[in-house]
């Protein structure tokens, strides 16, 4: 999931440099959503691992 976040971020950067504002904005939005999903899943997996350990 983090890989796809970086892919969309690179697409957004390239599109922004080339002047495609709509595509850049959409790609940046998708990258932001994927990043926060990644962080949420990371926190959930850490909590579950700590609960299983006890």
N, C-alpha and C. Protein backbone atom coordinates (compact mmCIF):
# COMPACT_ATOMS: atom_id res chain seq x y z
N UNK A 1 0.83 -1.18 0.00
CA UNK A 1 0.00 0.00 0.00
C UNK A 1 0.87 1.25 0.00
N UNK A 2 1.96 1.19 0.73
CA UNK A 2 2.86 2.34 0.75
C UNK A 2 3.50 2.54 -0.62
N UNK A 3 3.71 1.44 -1.35
CA UNK A 3 4.25 1.52 -2.70
C UNK A 3 3.32 2.32 -3.61
N UNK A 4 2.02 2.03 -3.53
CA UNK A 4 1.06 2.74 -4.37
C UNK A 4 0.95 4.21 -3.98
N UNK A 5 1.12 4.50 -2.69
CA UNK A 5 1.14 5.89 -2.25
C UNK A 5 2.28 6.64 -2.92
N UNK A 6 3.45 6.03 -2.93
CA UNK A 6 4.60 6.68 -3.56
C UNK A 6 4.42 6.80 -5.07
N UNK A 7 3.80 5.81 -5.69
CA UNK A 7 3.55 5.87 -7.14
C UNK A 7 2.63 7.05 -7.47
N UNK A 8 1.53 7.19 -6.72
CA UNK A 8 0.61 8.29 -6.98
C UNK A 8 1.25 9.64 -6.66
N UNK A 9 2.13 9.68 -5.66
CA UNK A 9 2.83 10.91 -5.34
C UNK A 9 3.76 11.32 -6.49
N UNK A 10 4.46 10.36 -7.05
CA UNK A 10 5.35 10.66 -8.18
C UNK A 10 4.53 11.10 -9.40
N UNK A 11 3.41 10.44 -9.63
CA UNK A 11 2.54 10.84 -10.74
C UNK A 11 2.06 12.27 -10.54
N UNK A 12 1.68 12.61 -9.30
CA UNK A 12 1.22 13.97 -9.00
C UNK A 12 2.32 14.99 -9.23
N UNK A 13 3.54 14.66 -8.82
CA UNK A 13 4.65 15.59 -9.01
C UNK A 13 4.96 15.80 -10.49
N UNK A 14 4.98 14.72 -11.25
CA UNK A 14 5.27 14.83 -12.68
C UNK A 14 4.15 15.60 -13.39
N UNK A 15 2.91 15.29 -13.05
CA UNK A 15 1.78 15.99 -13.68
C UNK A 15 1.80 17.47 -13.31
N UNK A 16 2.18 17.78 -12.08
CA UNK A 16 2.25 19.18 -11.66
C UNK A 16 3.32 19.95 -12.41
N UNK A 17 4.46 19.30 -12.62
CA UNK A 17 5.55 19.95 -13.36
C UNK A 17 5.15 20.18 -14.81
N UNK A 18 4.42 19.24 -15.38
CA UNK A 18 4.02 19.35 -16.78
C UNK A 18 2.79 20.23 -16.98
N UNK A 19 2.18 20.68 -15.89
CA UNK A 19 1.05 21.60 -16.00
C UNK A 19 -0.32 20.97 -16.02
N UNK A 20 -0.43 19.72 -15.69
CA UNK A 20 -1.72 19.05 -15.64
C UNK A 20 -2.26 19.12 -14.21
N UNK A 21 -2.89 20.24 -13.89
CA UNK A 21 -3.32 20.50 -12.52
C UNK A 21 -4.38 19.55 -12.01
N UNK A 22 -5.33 19.19 -12.86
CA UNK A 22 -6.40 18.29 -12.44
C UNK A 22 -5.89 16.91 -12.09
N UNK A 23 -5.04 16.39 -12.95
CA UNK A 23 -4.46 15.07 -12.70
C UNK A 23 -3.55 15.11 -11.48
N UNK A 24 -2.80 16.19 -11.33
CA UNK A 24 -1.91 16.32 -10.18
C UNK A 24 -2.70 16.37 -8.88
N UNK A 25 -3.78 17.10 -8.88
CA UNK A 25 -4.61 17.19 -7.67
C UNK A 25 -5.26 15.87 -7.31
N UNK A 26 -5.77 15.20 -8.32
CA UNK A 26 -6.41 13.91 -8.08
C UNK A 26 -5.41 12.88 -7.58
N UNK A 27 -4.23 12.84 -8.19
CA UNK A 27 -3.21 11.89 -7.77
C UNK A 27 -2.71 12.20 -6.36
N UNK A 28 -2.57 13.46 -6.04
CA UNK A 28 -2.14 13.83 -4.69
C UNK A 28 -3.21 13.46 -3.67
N UNK A 29 -4.47 13.63 -4.02
CA UNK A 29 -5.55 13.23 -3.12
C UNK A 29 -5.57 11.74 -2.87
N UNK A 30 -5.40 10.97 -3.93
CA UNK A 30 -5.36 9.51 -3.80
C UNK A 30 -4.16 9.10 -2.96
N UNK A 31 -3.01 9.72 -3.18
CA UNK A 31 -1.82 9.40 -2.40
C UNK A 31 -2.04 9.72 -0.93
N UNK A 32 -2.71 10.82 -0.64
CA UNK A 32 -2.96 11.19 0.75
C UNK A 32 -3.90 10.18 1.42
N UNK A 33 -4.94 9.78 0.72
CA UNK A 33 -5.88 8.79 1.28
C UNK A 33 -5.16 7.47 1.54
N UNK A 34 -4.37 7.01 0.59
CA UNK A 34 -3.66 5.75 0.76
C UNK A 34 -2.66 5.82 1.91
N UNK A 35 -2.01 6.97 2.07
CA UNK A 35 -1.05 7.12 3.16
C UNK A 35 -1.74 7.01 4.51
N UNK A 36 -2.89 7.68 4.66
CA UNK A 36 -3.59 7.62 5.94
C UNK A 36 -4.17 6.23 6.20
N UNK A 37 -4.59 5.53 5.15
CA UNK A 37 -5.02 4.15 5.32
C UNK A 37 -3.86 3.27 5.78
N UNK A 38 -2.68 3.49 5.19
CA UNK A 38 -1.49 2.74 5.59
C UNK A 38 -1.18 2.97 7.07
N UNK A 39 -1.23 4.23 7.50
CA UNK A 39 -0.94 4.55 8.90
C UNK A 39 -1.98 3.91 9.82
N UNK A 40 -3.24 3.94 9.43
CA UNK A 40 -4.30 3.34 10.24
C UNK A 40 -4.10 1.83 10.36
N UNK A 41 -3.81 1.16 9.24
CA UNK A 41 -3.58 -0.28 9.29
C UNK A 41 -2.33 -0.62 10.09
N UNK A 42 -1.32 0.22 10.01
CA UNK A 42 -0.10 0.00 10.80
C UNK A 42 -0.42 0.07 12.29
N UNK A 43 -1.16 1.08 12.70
CA UNK A 43 -1.52 1.22 14.11
C UNK A 43 -2.39 0.06 14.58
N UNK A 44 -3.33 -0.36 13.75
CA UNK A 44 -4.19 -1.49 14.11
C UNK A 44 -3.37 -2.76 14.27
N UNK A 45 -2.44 -3.00 13.38
CA UNK A 45 -1.62 -4.21 13.47
C UNK A 45 -0.71 -4.18 14.68
N UNK A 46 -0.22 -3.00 15.06
CA UNK A 46 0.62 -2.89 16.27
C UNK A 46 -0.22 -3.19 17.51
N UNK A 47 -1.42 -2.65 17.57
CA UNK A 47 -2.30 -2.90 18.72
C UNK A 47 -2.65 -4.38 18.81
N UNK A 48 -2.98 -4.99 17.69
CA UNK A 48 -3.34 -6.41 17.69
C UNK A 48 -2.14 -7.26 18.11
N UNK A 49 -0.95 -6.93 17.67
CA UNK A 49 0.24 -7.67 18.05
C UNK A 49 0.51 -7.54 19.55
N UNK A 50 0.29 -6.35 20.10
CA UNK A 50 0.48 -6.16 21.53
C UNK A 50 -0.56 -6.92 22.34
N UNK A 51 -1.79 -6.97 21.85
CA UNK A 51 -2.84 -7.71 22.56
C UNK A 51 -2.56 -9.21 22.52
N UNK A 52 -2.11 -9.72 21.39
CA UNK A 52 -1.82 -11.15 21.29
C UNK A 52 -0.64 -11.56 22.17
N UNK A 53 0.29 -10.66 22.36
CA UNK A 53 1.47 -10.96 23.15
C UNK A 53 1.11 -11.16 24.62
N UNK A 54 0.07 -10.44 25.07
CA UNK A 54 -0.31 -10.50 26.49
C UNK A 54 -1.16 -11.69 26.79
